[in-house]
């Protein structure tokens, strides 16, 4: 629900298909959300407008691949300390 509230604030009016497609781009470019957060946003919008409201929006956005982060590796000294 928070995502839909933020979409209403972003669009300033009742969201139209254009606003719904622009919102994830805004979140990536302006708010710098992670790929996993963007996937949640896209899925929430698809559920709300596709399933719950039965709208036939065509989404131009594909879910991004998850960011790859290297694991944190402890040094020998750090391991002996624990």
N, C-alpha and C. Protein backbone atom coordinates (compact mmCIF):
# COMPACT_ATOMS: atom_id res chain seq x y z
N UNK A 1 0.81 -1.19 0.00
CA UNK A 1 0.00 0.00 0.00
C UNK A 1 0.85 1.26 0.00
N UNK A 2 2.01 1.21 0.66
CA UNK A 2 2.87 2.39 0.69
C UNK A 2 3.32 2.76 -0.72
N UNK A 3 3.57 1.76 -1.54
CA UNK A 3 4.01 2.01 -2.91
C UNK A 3 2.93 2.75 -3.68
N UNK A 4 1.69 2.35 -3.50
CA UNK A 4 0.59 3.04 -4.20
C UNK A 4 0.43 4.46 -3.69
N UNK A 5 0.59 4.67 -2.37
CA UNK A 5 0.51 6.03 -1.83
C UNK A 5 1.62 6.90 -2.43
N UNK A 6 2.83 6.36 -2.51
CA UNK A 6 3.94 7.10 -3.09
C UNK A 6 3.70 7.39 -4.57
N UNK A 7 3.07 6.46 -5.28
CA UNK A 7 2.73 6.68 -6.68
C UNK A 7 1.74 7.84 -6.81
N UNK A 8 0.74 7.90 -5.94
CA UNK A 8 -0.21 9.02 -5.96
C UNK A 8 0.50 10.34 -5.70
N UNK A 9 1.43 10.35 -4.76
CA UNK A 9 2.20 11.57 -4.48
C UNK A 9 3.07 11.95 -5.67
N UNK A 10 3.66 10.96 -6.32
CA UNK A 10 4.51 11.19 -7.49
C UNK A 10 3.70 11.77 -8.65
N UNK A 11 2.55 11.19 -8.92
CA UNK A 11 1.76 11.61 -10.08
C UNK A 11 0.95 12.87 -9.82
N UNK A 12 0.65 13.16 -8.55
CA UNK A 12 -0.09 14.37 -8.23
C UNK A 12 -1.55 14.30 -8.60
N UNK A 13 -2.00 13.18 -9.05
CA UNK A 13 -3.40 13.00 -9.45
C UNK A 13 -3.68 11.51 -9.50
N UNK A 14 -4.80 11.18 -10.02
CA UNK A 14 -5.11 9.76 -10.20
C UNK A 14 -4.17 9.17 -11.23
N UNK A 15 -3.40 8.16 -10.87
CA UNK A 15 -2.38 7.65 -11.80
C UNK A 15 -2.98 7.10 -13.09
N UNK A 16 -2.33 7.45 -14.16
CA UNK A 16 -2.68 6.90 -15.47
C UNK A 16 -1.55 5.95 -15.87
N UNK A 17 -1.75 5.26 -16.96
CA UNK A 17 -0.75 4.29 -17.40
C UNK A 17 0.63 4.92 -17.54
N UNK A 18 0.69 6.14 -18.07
CA UNK A 18 1.97 6.83 -18.23
C UNK A 18 2.65 7.03 -16.88
N UNK A 19 1.89 7.47 -15.87
CA UNK A 19 2.46 7.67 -14.54
C UNK A 19 2.96 6.38 -13.94
N UNK A 20 2.23 5.31 -14.15
CA UNK A 20 2.61 4.01 -13.58
C UNK A 20 3.91 3.52 -14.21
N UNK A 21 4.08 3.75 -15.50
CA UNK A 21 5.31 3.33 -16.17
C UNK A 21 6.49 4.25 -15.83
N UNK A 22 6.24 5.52 -15.54
CA UNK A 22 7.31 6.45 -15.21
C UNK A 22 7.79 6.30 -13.76
N UNK A 23 6.90 5.88 -12.89
CA UNK A 23 7.22 5.82 -11.46
C UNK A 23 8.43 4.95 -11.13
N UNK A 24 8.55 3.73 -11.65
CA UNK A 24 9.75 2.93 -11.33
C UNK A 24 11.04 3.59 -11.83
N UNK A 25 10.99 4.25 -13.00
CA UNK A 25 12.17 4.95 -13.50
C UNK A 25 12.56 6.08 -12.55
N UNK A 26 11.55 6.78 -12.05
CA UNK A 26 11.78 7.84 -11.08
C UNK A 26 12.45 7.28 -9.82
N UNK A 27 11.96 6.15 -9.35
CA UNK A 27 12.50 5.56 -8.13
C UNK A 27 13.97 5.14 -8.32
N UNK A 28 14.32 4.68 -9.50
CA UNK A 28 15.70 4.27 -9.77
C UNK A 28 16.60 5.49 -9.95
N UNK A 29 16.17 6.43 -10.77
CA UNK A 29 17.02 7.56 -11.12
C UNK A 29 17.09 8.63 -10.03
N UNK A 30 15.99 8.90 -9.35
CA UNK A 30 15.98 9.97 -8.36
C UNK A 30 16.18 9.46 -6.93
N UNK A 31 15.54 8.36 -6.61
CA UNK A 31 15.60 7.84 -5.24
C UNK A 31 16.69 6.79 -5.05
N UNK A 32 17.28 6.34 -6.17
CA UNK A 32 18.39 5.38 -6.14
C UNK A 32 18.06 4.09 -5.38
N UNK A 33 16.88 3.52 -5.67
CA UNK A 33 16.49 2.27 -5.01
C UNK A 33 17.28 1.11 -5.60
N UNK A 34 17.46 0.08 -4.81
CA UNK A 34 18.17 -1.13 -5.23
C UNK A 34 17.29 -1.97 -6.15
N UNK A 35 17.91 -2.90 -6.84
CA UNK A 35 17.19 -3.77 -7.77
C UNK A 35 16.10 -4.56 -7.06
N UNK A 36 16.39 -5.03 -5.86
CA UNK A 36 15.39 -5.82 -5.13
C UNK A 36 14.18 -4.94 -4.75
N UNK A 37 14.43 -3.69 -4.39
CA UNK A 37 13.33 -2.77 -4.08
C UNK A 37 12.53 -2.46 -5.33
N UNK A 38 13.21 -2.29 -6.46
CA UNK A 38 12.51 -2.03 -7.71
C UNK A 38 11.62 -3.21 -8.09
N UNK A 39 12.10 -4.43 -7.86
CA UNK A 39 11.28 -5.61 -8.14
C UNK A 39 10.01 -5.61 -7.29
N UNK A 40 10.13 -5.21 -6.02
CA UNK A 40 8.97 -5.13 -5.14
C UNK A 40 7.98 -4.09 -5.66
N UNK A 41 8.50 -2.95 -6.09
CA UNK A 41 7.64 -1.88 -6.63
C UNK A 41 6.88 -2.37 -7.86
N UNK A 42 7.60 -2.97 -8.78
CA UNK A 42 6.97 -3.46 -10.03
C UNK A 42 5.91 -4.51 -9.72
N UNK A 43 6.23 -5.46 -8.84
CA UNK A 43 5.26 -6.51 -8.49
C UNK A 43 4.04 -5.94 -7.78
N UNK A 44 4.24 -4.95 -6.92
CA UNK A 44 3.11 -4.34 -6.23
C UNK A 44 2.21 -3.61 -7.21
N UNK A 45 2.79 -2.89 -8.15
CA UNK A 45 1.99 -2.18 -9.15
C UNK A 45 1.25 -3.15 -10.05
N UNK A 46 1.93 -4.21 -10.47
CA UNK A 46 1.28 -5.21 -11.31
C UNK A 46 0.11 -5.87 -10.58
N UNK A 47 0.30 -6.18 -9.30
CA UNK A 47 -0.79 -6.80 -8.55
C UNK A 47 -1.96 -5.83 -8.38
N UNK A 48 -1.65 -4.63 -7.95
CA UNK A 48 -2.71 -3.66 -7.68
C UNK A 48 -3.51 -3.33 -8.93
N UNK A 49 -2.83 -2.98 -10.01
CA UNK A 49 -3.53 -2.53 -11.20
C UNK A 49 -3.93 -3.67 -12.13
N UNK A 50 -3.19 -4.77 -12.10
CA UNK A 50 -3.53 -5.90 -12.96
C UNK A 50 -4.53 -6.85 -12.34
N UNK A 51 -4.26 -7.26 -11.11
CA UNK A 51 -5.11 -8.25 -10.44
C UNK A 51 -6.29 -7.62 -9.70
N UNK A 52 -5.99 -6.68 -8.82
CA UNK A 52 -7.04 -6.12 -7.96
C UNK A 52 -8.00 -5.22 -8.73
N UNK A 53 -7.48 -4.33 -9.56
CA UNK A 53 -8.33 -3.37 -10.28
C UNK A 53 -8.70 -3.84 -11.68
N UNK A 54 -8.14 -4.97 -12.10
CA UNK A 54 -8.44 -5.58 -13.42
C UNK A 54 -8.20 -4.61 -14.58
N UNK A 55 -7.12 -3.84 -14.47
CA UNK A 55 -6.72 -2.95 -15.56
C UNK A 55 -5.80 -3.71 -16.49
N UNK A 56 -5.87 -3.40 -17.76
CA UNK A 56 -5.03 -4.06 -18.75
C UNK A 56 -3.87 -3.16 -19.16
N UNK A 57 -3.03 -2.84 -18.21
CA UNK A 57 -1.88 -2.02 -18.51
C UNK A 57 -0.79 -2.88 -19.12
N UNK A 58 -0.08 -2.29 -20.07
CA UNK A 58 1.08 -2.96 -20.65
C UNK A 58 2.29 -2.32 -19.99
N UNK A 59 3.03 -3.11 -19.25
CA UNK A 59 4.18 -2.60 -18.54
C UNK A 59 5.39 -2.64 -19.44
N UNK A 60 6.06 -1.52 -19.55
CA UNK A 60 7.25 -1.42 -20.37
C UNK A 60 8.51 -1.70 -19.55
N UNK A 61 8.33 -2.07 -18.30
CA UNK A 61 9.44 -2.24 -17.39
C UNK A 61 9.67 -3.72 -17.13
N UNK A 62 10.91 -4.12 -17.26
CA UNK A 62 11.26 -5.49 -16.92
C UNK A 62 11.96 -5.47 -15.57
N UNK A 63 11.74 -6.50 -14.81
CA UNK A 63 12.39 -6.59 -13.50
C UNK A 63 13.89 -6.73 -13.70
N UNK A 64 14.67 -5.90 -13.01
CA UNK A 64 16.12 -5.99 -13.15
C UNK A 64 16.68 -7.19 -12.42
N UNK A 65 17.88 -7.55 -12.81
CA UNK A 65 18.57 -8.63 -12.10
C UNK A 65 19.05 -8.10 -10.76
N UNK A 66 19.14 -8.98 -9.81
CA UNK A 66 19.56 -8.61 -8.47
C UNK A 66 21.01 -8.13 -8.49
N UNK A 67 21.26 -7.08 -7.71
CA UNK A 67 22.62 -6.57 -7.59
C UNK A 67 23.53 -7.65 -7.03
N UNK A 68 24.72 -7.74 -7.59
CA UNK A 68 25.68 -8.72 -7.09
C UNK A 68 26.65 -8.00 -6.17
N UNK A 69 26.70 -8.45 -4.94
CA UNK A 69 27.61 -7.87 -3.96
C UNK A 69 28.56 -8.95 -3.48
N UNK A 70 29.79 -8.57 -3.30
CA UNK A 70 30.77 -9.52 -2.79
C UNK A 70 30.56 -9.73 -1.30
N UNK A 71 30.74 -10.96 -0.84
CA UNK A 71 30.58 -11.21 0.59
C UNK A 71 31.71 -10.58 1.40
N UNK A 72 31.44 -10.29 2.64
CA UNK A 72 32.46 -9.76 3.53
C UNK A 72 33.30 -10.92 4.04
N UNK A 73 34.58 -10.81 3.87
CA UNK A 73 35.49 -11.87 4.29
C UNK A 73 36.34 -11.35 5.44
N UNK A 74 36.38 -12.12 6.52
CA UNK A 74 37.17 -11.73 7.68
C UNK A 74 38.63 -12.18 7.50
N UNK A 75 39.53 -11.39 8.05
CA UNK A 75 40.94 -11.78 8.04
C UNK A 75 41.17 -12.83 9.12
N UNK A 76 42.37 -13.47 9.13
CA UNK A 76 42.68 -14.48 10.14
C UNK A 76 42.62 -13.89 11.54
N UNK A 77 43.12 -12.66 11.67
CA UNK A 77 43.13 -12.02 12.97
C UNK A 77 41.71 -11.79 13.49
N UNK A 78 40.84 -11.39 12.58
CA UNK A 78 39.46 -11.14 12.97
C UNK A 78 38.76 -12.44 13.38
N UNK A 79 39.09 -13.55 12.70
CA UNK A 79 38.47 -14.84 13.02
C UNK A 79 38.95 -15.31 14.40
N UNK A 80 40.28 -15.17 14.73
CA UNK A 80 40.81 -15.61 16.03
C UNK A 80 40.24 -14.80 17.15
N UNK A 81 39.92 -13.48 16.86
CA UNK A 81 39.36 -12.62 17.88
C UNK A 81 38.00 -13.11 18.34
N UNK A 82 37.27 -13.77 17.46
CA UNK A 82 35.92 -14.22 17.79
C UNK A 82 36.03 -15.60 18.34
